């Protein structure tokens, strides 16, 4: 039976799965251990000078208005820290569209890709000039890379990831209970509707 026309445009919300939030938990476990090194004014000025942005700060990738700093090299890969941290040598001005679209991808590959909202897919005319500037920035402003496990010791590092594993397991168990609760609530709802008719 076809849905009435007034329902055809309306998408009902899908049930939320607790276990479906595991990537957010993993990101929290990774990002929660990455230090943020606040730059000096001179360090920010030097970074903007290399990027040719002393007069106007804009998105390094597309040229739109900059709204945030983006990690040029990703902090997370395969659900673990890459070793890069939040420091000026790994940060560039970006717009929200580019930051969202790029995510944890390699910046150079992403800029030339057809990913949604990438500079190429948005038709940014001076992509190669921007790439050359970012490559110069990488060459002159090399970030520190830290072996997190070596820095903190294997015991603390393994304990951190054991907490992560335990939390994900609890989420799976909670998800099963939530599905059972949802089924029972729906049955109670149906029983009330039938009793009312």
N, C-alpha and C. Protein backbone atom coordinates (compact mmCIF):
# COMPACT_ATOMS: atom_id res chain seq x y z
N UNK A 1 0.85 -1.18 0.00
CA UNK A 1 0.00 0.00 0.00
C UNK A 1 0.89 1.24 0.00
N UNK A 2 0.58 2.18 -0.87
CA UNK A 2 1.37 3.39 -1.00
C UNK A 2 1.04 4.35 0.14
N UNK A 3 2.08 5.06 0.64
CA UNK A 3 1.86 6.03 1.70
C UNK A 3 1.05 7.21 1.18
N UNK A 4 0.24 7.81 2.05
CA UNK A 4 -0.46 9.02 1.63
C UNK A 4 0.56 10.09 1.23
N UNK A 5 0.16 10.97 0.32
CA UNK A 5 1.07 11.96 -0.23
C UNK A 5 1.69 12.84 0.86
N UNK A 6 0.94 13.15 1.90
CA UNK A 6 1.47 14.04 2.94
C UNK A 6 2.54 13.37 3.78
N UNK A 7 2.70 12.05 3.69
CA UNK A 7 3.76 11.36 4.42
C UNK A 7 4.99 11.10 3.55
N UNK A 8 4.85 11.25 2.22
CA UNK A 8 5.95 10.86 1.34
C UNK A 8 7.19 11.73 1.53
N UNK A 9 7.05 12.97 1.93
CA UNK A 9 8.20 13.85 2.10
C UNK A 9 8.78 13.76 3.50
N UNK A 10 8.09 13.13 4.39
CA UNK A 10 8.45 13.16 5.80
C UNK A 10 9.18 11.87 6.19
N UNK A 11 10.44 11.98 6.54
CA UNK A 11 11.21 10.81 6.97
C UNK A 11 11.14 10.68 8.48
N UNK A 12 10.65 9.57 8.92
CA UNK A 12 10.56 9.33 10.36
C UNK A 12 11.96 9.14 10.94
N UNK A 13 12.17 9.58 12.18
CA UNK A 13 13.50 9.37 12.78
C UNK A 13 13.78 7.88 12.96
N UNK A 14 15.03 7.53 12.82
CA UNK A 14 15.44 6.14 13.02
C UNK A 14 15.79 5.94 14.50
N UNK A 15 15.54 4.76 15.04
CA UNK A 15 15.92 4.52 16.43
C UNK A 15 17.43 4.69 16.62
N UNK A 16 17.80 5.33 17.70
CA UNK A 16 19.22 5.54 18.00
C UNK A 16 19.79 4.27 18.60
N UNK A 17 21.00 3.94 18.16
CA UNK A 17 21.69 2.78 18.74
C UNK A 17 22.83 3.29 19.60
N UNK A 18 22.86 2.87 20.85
CA UNK A 18 23.92 3.28 21.77
C UNK A 18 25.28 2.87 21.23
N UNK A 19 25.38 1.64 20.74
CA UNK A 19 26.65 1.14 20.22
C UNK A 19 27.06 1.89 18.95
N UNK A 20 26.10 2.56 18.30
CA UNK A 20 26.40 3.34 17.12
C UNK A 20 27.21 4.59 17.42
N UNK A 21 27.38 4.90 18.68
CA UNK A 21 28.16 6.07 19.09
C UNK A 21 29.60 5.70 19.44
N UNK A 22 30.04 4.50 19.07
CA UNK A 22 31.37 4.04 19.46
C UNK A 22 32.49 4.89 18.85
N UNK A 23 32.29 5.42 17.64
CA UNK A 23 33.35 6.24 17.04
C UNK A 23 33.53 7.55 17.82
N UNK A 24 32.44 8.09 18.37
CA UNK A 24 32.56 9.30 19.21
C UNK A 24 33.35 9.00 20.48
N UNK A 25 33.11 7.84 21.05
CA UNK A 25 33.85 7.43 22.25
C UNK A 25 35.33 7.26 21.92
N UNK A 26 35.61 6.59 20.80
CA UNK A 26 37.01 6.37 20.39
C UNK A 26 37.70 7.71 20.16
N UNK A 27 37.03 8.64 19.47
CA UNK A 27 37.62 9.96 19.26
C UNK A 27 37.89 10.67 20.57
N UNK A 28 37.00 10.50 21.54
CA UNK A 28 37.22 11.11 22.86
C UNK A 28 38.43 10.50 23.55
N UNK A 29 38.60 9.20 23.41
CA UNK A 29 39.75 8.54 24.04
C UNK A 29 41.07 8.96 23.39
N UNK A 30 41.02 9.25 22.09
CA UNK A 30 42.23 9.71 21.42
C UNK A 30 42.45 11.19 21.69
N UNK A 31 41.44 12.01 21.40
CA UNK A 31 41.60 13.45 21.57
C UNK A 31 41.79 13.86 23.02
N UNK A 32 41.30 13.03 23.94
CA UNK A 32 41.46 13.33 25.36
C UNK A 32 42.89 13.27 25.85
N UNK A 33 43.77 12.61 25.11
CA UNK A 33 45.17 12.48 25.55
C UNK A 33 46.12 13.36 24.74
N UNK A 34 45.58 14.08 23.75
CA UNK A 34 46.44 14.92 22.91
C UNK A 34 46.56 16.31 23.52
N UNK A 35 47.79 16.72 23.86
CA UNK A 35 47.96 18.04 24.46
C UNK A 35 47.76 19.17 23.46
N UNK A 36 47.37 20.32 23.99
CA UNK A 36 47.24 21.54 23.20
C UNK A 36 48.31 22.50 23.68
N UNK A 37 49.21 22.87 22.78
CA UNK A 37 50.29 23.81 23.11
C UNK A 37 49.87 25.18 22.56
N UNK A 38 49.56 26.10 23.46
CA UNK A 38 49.10 27.43 23.05
C UNK A 38 50.29 28.20 22.47
N UNK A 39 50.15 28.70 21.25
CA UNK A 39 51.28 29.40 20.61
C UNK A 39 51.43 30.83 21.14
N UNK A 40 52.63 31.34 20.98
CA UNK A 40 52.86 32.75 21.29
C UNK A 40 52.35 33.58 20.11
N UNK A 41 52.21 34.87 20.35
CA UNK A 41 51.79 35.78 19.27
C UNK A 41 52.80 35.74 18.12
N UNK A 42 54.08 35.67 18.48
CA UNK A 42 55.14 35.63 17.46
C UNK A 42 55.05 34.36 16.61
N UNK A 43 54.71 33.23 17.24
CA UNK A 43 54.57 31.97 16.51
C UNK A 43 53.39 32.01 15.53
N UNK A 44 52.29 32.61 15.98
CA UNK A 44 51.12 32.74 15.10
C UNK A 44 51.48 33.65 13.92
N UNK A 45 52.14 34.75 14.21
CA UNK A 45 52.54 35.69 13.15
C UNK A 45 53.46 35.01 12.14
N UNK A 46 54.43 34.23 12.63
CA UNK A 46 55.35 33.53 11.73
C UNK A 46 54.60 32.53 10.84
N UNK A 47 53.63 31.82 11.43
CA UNK A 47 52.84 30.86 10.65
C UNK A 47 52.04 31.58 9.58
N UNK A 48 51.40 32.68 9.95
CA UNK A 48 50.60 33.43 8.98
C UNK A 48 51.47 34.06 7.89
N UNK A 49 52.69 34.41 8.25
CA UNK A 49 53.60 34.98 7.26
C UNK A 49 53.96 33.94 6.19
N UNK A 50 54.28 32.72 6.64
CA UNK A 50 54.58 31.65 5.68
C UNK A 50 53.39 31.39 4.76
N UNK A 51 52.18 31.46 5.34
CA UNK A 51 50.96 31.20 4.58
C UNK A 51 50.50 32.42 3.78
N UNK A 52 51.26 33.53 3.85
CA UNK A 52 50.94 34.77 3.15
C UNK A 52 49.57 35.30 3.57
N UNK A 53 49.36 35.34 4.90
CA UNK A 53 48.07 35.79 5.43
C UNK A 53 48.21 36.89 6.48
N UNK A 54 49.27 37.66 6.43
CA UNK A 54 49.43 38.73 7.42
C UNK A 54 48.37 39.82 7.23
N UNK A 55 47.97 40.08 6.00
CA UNK A 55 46.97 41.12 5.74
C UNK A 55 45.54 40.62 5.90
N UNK A 56 45.31 39.39 5.51
CA UNK A 56 43.95 38.82 5.59
C UNK A 56 44.04 37.32 5.87
N UNK A 57 43.48 36.90 6.99
CA UNK A 57 43.47 35.48 7.34
C UNK A 57 42.25 34.84 6.67
N UNK A 58 42.51 33.79 5.89
CA UNK A 58 41.43 33.09 5.19
C UNK A 58 41.70 31.59 5.26
N UNK A 59 40.77 30.82 4.76
CA UNK A 59 40.94 29.36 4.75
C UNK A 59 42.13 28.99 3.88
N UNK A 60 43.05 28.25 4.42
CA UNK A 60 44.26 27.84 3.69
C UNK A 60 43.94 26.97 2.49
N UNK A 61 42.81 26.27 2.54
CA UNK A 61 42.46 25.31 1.50
C UNK A 61 41.66 25.92 0.35
N UNK A 62 40.72 26.83 0.68
CA UNK A 62 39.83 27.33 -0.37
C UNK A 62 39.80 28.85 -0.49
N UNK A 63 40.26 29.58 0.53
CA UNK A 63 40.26 31.04 0.48
C UNK A 63 39.05 31.71 1.08
N UNK A 64 38.04 30.93 1.50
CA UNK A 64 36.87 31.52 2.16
C UNK A 64 37.27 32.08 3.53
N UNK A 65 36.33 32.71 4.20
CA UNK A 65 36.59 33.26 5.53
C UNK A 65 37.00 32.14 6.48
N UNK A 66 38.07 32.36 7.20
CA UNK A 66 38.55 31.37 8.18
C UNK A 66 37.73 31.49 9.46
N UNK A 67 37.28 30.36 9.96
CA UNK A 67 36.49 30.35 11.19
C UNK A 67 37.16 29.56 12.30
N UNK A 68 38.22 28.82 11.97
CA UNK A 68 38.84 27.93 12.95
C UNK A 68 40.24 27.54 12.48
N UNK A 69 40.95 26.85 13.35
CA UNK A 69 42.25 26.27 13.01
C UNK A 69 42.03 24.79 12.75
N UNK A 70 42.66 24.28 11.70
CA UNK A 70 42.55 22.86 11.35
C UNK A 70 43.91 22.21 11.50
N UNK A 71 43.91 20.95 11.93
CA UNK A 71 45.15 20.18 12.00
C UNK A 71 45.53 19.75 10.60
N UNK A 72 46.63 20.28 10.09
CA UNK A 72 47.07 19.95 8.74
C UNK A 72 47.33 18.45 8.63
N UNK A 73 48.06 17.90 9.61
CA UNK A 73 48.28 16.46 9.67
C UNK A 73 47.32 15.89 10.72
N UNK A 74 46.63 14.82 10.39
CA UNK A 74 45.60 14.32 11.30
C UNK A 74 46.17 13.87 12.65
N UNK A 75 45.37 14.05 13.68
CA UNK A 75 45.75 13.62 15.03
C UNK A 75 45.41 12.15 15.25
N UNK A 76 44.45 11.64 14.46
CA UNK A 76 43.95 10.28 14.66
C UNK A 76 44.01 9.53 13.34
N UNK A 77 44.49 8.28 13.41
CA UNK A 77 44.47 7.38 12.26
C UNK A 77 44.29 5.97 12.78
N UNK A 78 43.39 5.23 12.16
CA UNK A 78 43.09 3.85 12.61
C UNK A 78 42.76 3.81 14.09
N UNK A 79 42.00 4.79 14.55
CA UNK A 79 41.51 4.87 15.93
C UNK A 79 42.62 4.99 16.97
N UNK A 80 43.77 5.52 16.59
CA UNK A 80 44.87 5.75 17.52
C UNK A 80 45.54 7.07 17.18
N UNK A 81 46.22 7.69 18.16
CA UNK A 81 46.92 8.95 17.87
C UNK A 81 48.03 8.73 16.83
N UNK A 82 48.19 9.71 15.96
CA UNK A 82 49.25 9.64 14.95
C UNK A 82 50.59 10.07 15.53
N UNK A 83 50.55 10.77 16.67
CA UNK A 83 51.77 11.31 17.27
C UNK A 83 51.85 12.81 17.13
N UNK A 84 51.06 13.39 16.21
CA UNK A 84 51.01 14.84 16.10
C UNK A 84 50.10 15.38 17.20
N UNK A 85 50.35 16.61 17.61
CA UNK A 85 49.57 17.22 18.67
C UNK A 85 49.01 18.55 18.18
N UNK A 86 48.25 19.21 19.03
CA UNK A 86 47.70 20.53 18.68
C UNK A 86 48.74 21.59 19.01
N UNK A 87 49.52 21.94 18.00
CA UNK A 87 50.53 22.99 18.13
C UNK A 87 50.53 23.80 16.84
N UNK A 88 51.02 25.01 16.89
CA UNK A 88 50.94 25.92 15.75
C UNK A 88 51.55 25.33 14.48
N UNK A 89 52.59 24.53 14.61
CA UNK A 89 53.23 23.98 13.42
C UNK A 89 52.39 22.91 12.72
N UNK A 90 51.30 22.50 13.35
CA UNK A 90 50.40 21.54 12.74
C UNK A 90 49.00 22.13 12.55
N UNK A 91 48.90 23.45 12.61
CA UNK A 91 47.60 24.11 12.49
C UNK A 91 47.62 25.14 11.37
N UNK A 92 46.52 25.20 10.62
CA UNK A 92 46.37 26.21 9.59
C UNK A 92 44.96 26.78 9.67
N UNK A 93 44.77 28.05 9.30
CA UNK A 93 43.42 28.61 9.28
C UNK A 93 42.55 27.86 8.27
N UNK A 94 41.30 27.64 8.63
CA UNK A 94 40.39 26.90 7.75
C UNK A 94 38.96 27.40 7.94
N UNK A 95 38.13 27.09 6.97
CA UNK A 95 36.70 27.34 7.10
C UNK A 95 36.04 26.05 7.59
N UNK A 96 34.84 26.14 8.09
CA UNK A 96 34.13 24.97 8.59
C UNK A 96 33.89 23.91 7.53
N UNK A 97 33.56 24.35 6.30
CA UNK A 97 33.29 23.39 5.22
C UNK A 97 34.51 22.52 4.95
N UNK A 98 35.67 23.17 4.81
CA UNK A 98 36.89 22.42 4.51
C UNK A 98 37.29 21.52 5.68
N UNK A 99 37.20 22.04 6.89
CA UNK A 99 37.59 21.26 8.07
C UNK A 99 36.72 20.00 8.18
N UNK A 100 35.41 20.16 7.98
CA UNK A 100 34.49 19.01 8.05
C UNK A 100 34.80 18.00 6.96
N UNK A 101 34.97 18.51 5.74
CA UNK A 101 35.17 17.63 4.60
C UNK A 101 36.50 16.88 4.69
N UNK A 102 37.54 17.58 5.10
CA UNK A 102 38.87 16.97 5.16
C UNK A 102 38.95 15.90 6.24
N UNK A 103 38.41 16.17 7.41
CA UNK A 103 38.46 15.20 8.49
C UNK A 103 39.88 14.73 8.76
N UNK A 104 40.08 13.41 8.79
CA UNK A 104 41.40 12.83 9.06
C UNK A 104 42.15 12.45 7.78
N UNK A 105 41.70 12.96 6.65
CA UNK A 105 42.35 12.61 5.39
C UNK A 105 43.66 13.36 5.21
N UNK A 106 44.55 12.83 4.37
CA UNK A 106 45.75 13.54 3.98
C UNK A 106 45.33 14.81 3.24
N UNK A 107 45.84 15.96 3.67
CA UNK A 107 45.34 17.23 3.13
C UNK A 107 45.57 17.36 1.63
N UNK A 108 46.72 16.92 1.14
CA UNK A 108 47.04 17.09 -0.28
C UNK A 108 46.13 16.23 -1.15
N UNK A 109 45.97 14.97 -0.78
CA UNK A 109 45.08 14.07 -1.52
C UNK A 109 43.66 14.60 -1.50
N UNK A 110 43.21 15.05 -0.31
CA UNK A 110 41.86 15.56 -0.17
C UNK A 110 41.62 16.81 -1.03
N UNK A 111 42.56 17.74 -1.04
CA UNK A 111 42.36 18.98 -1.80
C UNK A 111 42.12 18.71 -3.28
N UNK A 112 42.80 17.71 -3.83
CA UNK A 112 42.68 17.38 -5.25
C UNK A 112 41.58 16.36 -5.54
N UNK A 113 40.90 15.92 -4.48
CA UNK A 113 39.89 14.87 -4.65
C UNK A 113 38.52 15.49 -4.97
N UNK A 114 37.59 14.60 -5.30
CA UNK A 114 36.21 15.02 -5.55
C UNK A 114 35.33 14.81 -4.33
N UNK A 115 35.94 14.75 -3.15
CA UNK A 115 35.16 14.58 -1.91
C UNK A 115 34.18 15.75 -1.78
N UNK A 116 33.00 15.50 -1.21
CA UNK A 116 32.06 16.59 -1.02
C UNK A 116 32.72 17.75 -0.26
N UNK A 117 32.56 18.96 -0.78
CA UNK A 117 33.07 20.21 -0.21
C UNK A 117 34.59 20.37 -0.28
N UNK A 118 35.30 19.48 -0.97
CA UNK A 118 36.74 19.67 -1.14
C UNK A 118 36.95 20.88 -2.06
N UNK A 119 38.14 21.51 -2.02
CA UNK A 119 38.38 22.64 -2.92
C UNK A 119 38.15 22.30 -4.39
N UNK A 120 38.57 21.10 -4.82
CA UNK A 120 38.36 20.71 -6.23
C UNK A 120 36.88 20.61 -6.54
N UNK A 121 36.10 19.94 -5.67
CA UNK A 121 34.68 19.75 -5.96
C UNK A 121 33.92 21.07 -5.89
N UNK A 122 34.45 22.06 -5.19
CA UNK A 122 33.81 23.38 -5.11
C UNK A 122 34.34 24.34 -6.17
N UNK A 123 35.26 23.86 -7.02
CA UNK A 123 35.73 24.67 -8.12
C UNK A 123 36.67 25.80 -7.73
N UNK A 124 37.46 25.62 -6.66
CA UNK A 124 38.42 26.65 -6.25
C UNK A 124 39.49 26.76 -7.34
N UNK A 125 39.66 27.96 -7.87
CA UNK A 125 40.51 28.16 -9.05
C UNK A 125 42.00 28.05 -8.76
N UNK A 126 42.44 28.50 -7.59
CA UNK A 126 43.88 28.57 -7.32
C UNK A 126 44.37 27.44 -6.40
N UNK A 127 43.84 26.24 -6.61
CA UNK A 127 44.20 25.10 -5.76
C UNK A 127 45.71 24.86 -5.75
N UNK A 128 46.33 24.86 -6.93
CA UNK A 128 47.76 24.54 -6.99
C UNK A 128 48.60 25.59 -6.26
N UNK A 129 48.22 26.86 -6.30
CA UNK A 129 48.93 27.90 -5.54
C UNK A 129 48.79 27.65 -4.04
N UNK A 130 47.60 27.27 -3.63
CA UNK A 130 47.36 26.99 -2.21
C UNK A 130 48.15 25.76 -1.75
N UNK A 131 48.20 24.76 -2.61
CA UNK A 131 48.97 23.55 -2.30
C UNK A 131 50.45 23.90 -2.14
N UNK A 132 50.98 24.70 -3.04
CA UNK A 132 52.39 25.10 -2.96
C UNK A 132 52.68 25.85 -1.65
N UNK A 133 51.75 26.72 -1.25
CA UNK A 133 51.92 27.46 0.00
C UNK A 133 51.91 26.53 1.20
N UNK A 134 50.99 25.56 1.20
CA UNK A 134 50.91 24.59 2.31
C UNK A 134 52.13 23.67 2.33
N UNK A 135 52.64 23.31 1.18
CA UNK A 135 53.86 22.50 1.14
C UNK A 135 55.05 23.27 1.71
N UNK A 136 55.11 24.56 1.41
CA UNK A 136 56.17 25.41 1.98
C UNK A 136 56.01 25.51 3.50
N UNK A 137 54.76 25.61 3.94
CA UNK A 137 54.48 25.66 5.38
C UNK A 137 54.94 24.37 6.05
N UNK A 138 54.64 23.24 5.43
CA UNK A 138 55.09 21.95 5.98
C UNK A 138 56.62 21.89 6.05
N UNK A 139 57.26 22.40 5.03
CA UNK A 139 58.73 22.36 4.98
C UNK A 139 59.36 23.25 6.05
N UNK A 140 58.81 24.43 6.25
CA UNK A 140 59.41 25.41 7.17
C UNK A 140 58.90 25.32 8.60
N UNK A 141 57.72 24.75 8.80
CA UNK A 141 57.13 24.69 10.14
C UNK A 141 56.85 23.23 10.49
N UNK A 142 57.90 22.47 10.64
CA UNK A 142 57.77 21.04 10.87
C UNK A 142 57.27 20.76 12.30
N UNK A 143 56.15 20.03 12.44
CA UNK A 143 55.60 19.77 13.77
C UNK A 143 56.35 18.64 14.49
N UNK A 144 56.20 18.65 15.79
CA UNK A 144 56.77 17.59 16.61
C UNK A 144 55.87 16.36 16.52
N UNK A 145 56.49 15.20 16.43
CA UNK A 145 55.72 13.95 16.46
C UNK A 145 56.20 13.15 17.67
N UNK A 146 55.25 12.74 18.50
CA UNK A 146 55.56 12.08 19.77
C UNK A 146 55.06 10.64 19.75
N UNK A 147 55.86 9.72 20.22
CA UNK A 147 55.41 8.34 20.42
C UNK A 147 54.72 8.32 21.78
N UNK A 148 53.40 8.36 21.78
CA UNK A 148 52.64 8.48 23.02
C UNK A 148 52.93 7.34 23.99
N UNK A 149 52.94 6.12 23.49
CA UNK A 149 53.16 4.97 24.36
C UNK A 149 54.54 5.03 25.01
N UNK A 150 55.56 5.39 24.24
CA UNK A 150 56.91 5.51 24.79
C UNK A 150 56.98 6.63 25.83
N UNK A 151 56.24 7.71 25.59
CA UNK A 151 56.26 8.86 26.50
C UNK A 151 55.63 8.55 27.85
N UNK A 152 54.55 7.75 27.85
CA UNK A 152 53.82 7.51 29.11
C UNK A 152 54.12 6.14 29.72
N UNK A 153 54.70 5.25 28.94
CA UNK A 153 54.97 3.89 29.42
C UNK A 153 53.86 2.94 29.02
N UNK A 154 54.21 1.69 28.78
CA UNK A 154 53.22 0.72 28.28
C UNK A 154 52.09 0.42 29.27
N UNK A 155 52.38 0.46 30.58
CA UNK A 155 51.33 0.13 31.56
C UNK A 155 50.17 1.12 31.50
N UNK A 156 50.50 2.42 31.58
CA UNK A 156 49.45 3.45 31.55
C UNK A 156 48.75 3.46 30.20
N UNK A 157 49.52 3.31 29.13
CA UNK A 157 48.94 3.32 27.78
C UNK A 157 47.96 2.15 27.60
N UNK A 158 48.35 0.96 28.03
CA UNK A 158 47.48 -0.20 27.89
C UNK A 158 46.25 -0.08 28.79
N UNK A 159 46.43 0.52 29.98
CA UNK A 159 45.29 0.72 30.88
C UNK A 159 44.27 1.67 30.23
N UNK A 160 44.76 2.73 29.59
CA UNK A 160 43.88 3.68 28.90
C UNK A 160 43.03 2.95 27.86
N UNK A 161 43.66 2.10 27.04
CA UNK A 161 42.92 1.42 25.98
C UNK A 161 42.09 0.26 26.53
N UNK A 162 42.44 -0.26 27.68
CA UNK A 162 41.57 -1.26 28.33
C UNK A 162 40.27 -0.60 28.79
N UNK A 163 40.36 0.66 29.29
CA UNK A 163 39.14 1.41 29.66
C UNK A 163 38.26 1.60 28.43
N UNK A 164 38.89 1.92 27.31
CA UNK A 164 38.17 2.12 26.05
C UNK A 164 37.42 0.85 25.66
N UNK A 165 38.12 -0.28 25.69
CA UNK A 165 37.51 -1.57 25.32
C UNK A 165 36.35 -1.90 26.26
N UNK A 166 36.55 -1.68 27.55
CA UNK A 166 35.50 -1.96 28.54
C UNK A 166 34.27 -1.09 28.30
N UNK A 167 34.49 0.19 28.01
CA UNK A 167 33.38 1.10 27.78
C UNK A 167 32.60 0.70 26.53
N UNK A 168 33.29 0.31 25.47
CA UNK A 168 32.60 -0.13 24.26
C UNK A 168 31.78 -1.40 24.51
N UNK A 169 32.31 -2.30 25.35
CA UNK A 169 31.57 -3.51 25.69
C UNK A 169 30.31 -3.15 26.50
N UNK A 170 30.44 -2.21 27.44
CA UNK A 170 29.26 -1.75 28.20
C UNK A 170 28.22 -1.14 27.27
N UNK A 171 28.69 -0.40 26.26
CA UNK A 171 27.76 0.20 25.31
C UNK A 171 27.02 -0.87 24.52
N UNK A 172 27.70 -1.95 24.14
CA UNK A 172 27.03 -3.04 23.42
C UNK A 172 25.95 -3.69 24.30
N UNK A 173 26.27 -3.91 25.56
CA UNK A 173 25.29 -4.50 26.49
C UNK A 173 24.12 -3.55 26.69
N UNK A 174 24.42 -2.26 26.89
CA UNK A 174 23.36 -1.26 27.07
C UNK A 174 22.48 -1.17 25.82
N UNK A 175 23.08 -1.33 24.65
CA UNK A 175 22.34 -1.29 23.39
C UNK A 175 21.33 -2.43 23.32
N UNK A 176 21.74 -3.61 23.76
CA UNK A 176 20.81 -4.76 23.77
C UNK A 176 19.63 -4.48 24.70
N UNK A 177 19.94 -3.95 25.89
CA UNK A 177 18.86 -3.61 26.83
C UNK A 177 17.95 -2.53 26.26
N UNK A 178 18.54 -1.53 25.60
CA UNK A 178 17.75 -0.45 25.02
C UNK A 178 16.80 -0.97 23.95
N UNK A 179 17.27 -1.91 23.13
CA UNK A 179 16.41 -2.49 22.09
C UNK A 179 15.23 -3.25 22.72
N UNK A 180 15.50 -3.97 23.81
CA UNK A 180 14.43 -4.70 24.51
C UNK A 180 13.43 -3.70 25.11
N UNK A 181 13.94 -2.63 25.71
CA UNK A 181 13.06 -1.59 26.29
C UNK A 181 12.20 -0.97 25.19
N UNK A 182 12.82 -0.64 24.06
CA UNK A 182 12.09 -0.02 22.94
C UNK A 182 10.97 -0.95 22.46
N UNK A 183 11.26 -2.23 22.36
CA UNK A 183 10.25 -3.20 21.92
C UNK A 183 9.09 -3.24 22.91
N UNK A 184 9.38 -3.28 24.19
CA UNK A 184 8.32 -3.34 25.20
C UNK A 184 7.49 -2.06 25.25
N UNK A 185 8.15 -0.91 25.09
CA UNK A 185 7.42 0.36 25.09
C UNK A 185 6.51 0.43 23.88
N UNK A 186 6.99 -0.04 22.72
CA UNK A 186 6.16 -0.03 21.52
C UNK A 186 4.95 -0.95 21.72
N UNK A 187 5.17 -2.12 22.31
CA UNK A 187 4.05 -3.04 22.58
C UNK A 187 3.03 -2.40 23.52
N UNK A 188 3.52 -1.70 24.54
CA UNK A 188 2.61 -1.02 25.47
C UNK A 188 1.82 0.07 24.75
N UNK A 189 2.48 0.77 23.85
CA UNK A 189 1.82 1.83 23.06
C UNK A 189 0.72 1.21 22.19
N UNK A 190 1.05 0.12 21.51
CA UNK A 190 0.06 -0.55 20.65
C UNK A 190 -1.13 -1.05 21.47
N UNK A 191 -0.84 -1.61 22.65
CA UNK A 191 -1.93 -2.12 23.51
C UNK A 191 -2.85 -0.99 23.93
N UNK A 192 -2.31 0.18 24.25
CA UNK A 192 -3.13 1.33 24.64
C UNK A 192 -3.99 1.81 23.46
N UNK A 193 -3.41 1.83 22.27
CA UNK A 193 -4.16 2.27 21.10
C UNK A 193 -5.32 1.31 20.81
N UNK A 194 -5.03 0.01 20.94
CA UNK A 194 -6.08 -0.97 20.65
C UNK A 194 -7.20 -0.89 21.70
N UNK A 195 -6.80 -0.63 22.96
CA UNK A 195 -7.80 -0.53 24.02
C UNK A 195 -8.70 0.70 23.82
N UNK A 196 -8.14 1.74 23.21
CA UNK A 196 -8.88 2.97 23.01
C UNK A 196 -9.85 2.88 21.84
N UNK A 197 -9.67 1.88 20.96
CA UNK A 197 -10.57 1.78 19.78
C UNK A 197 -11.72 0.82 20.01
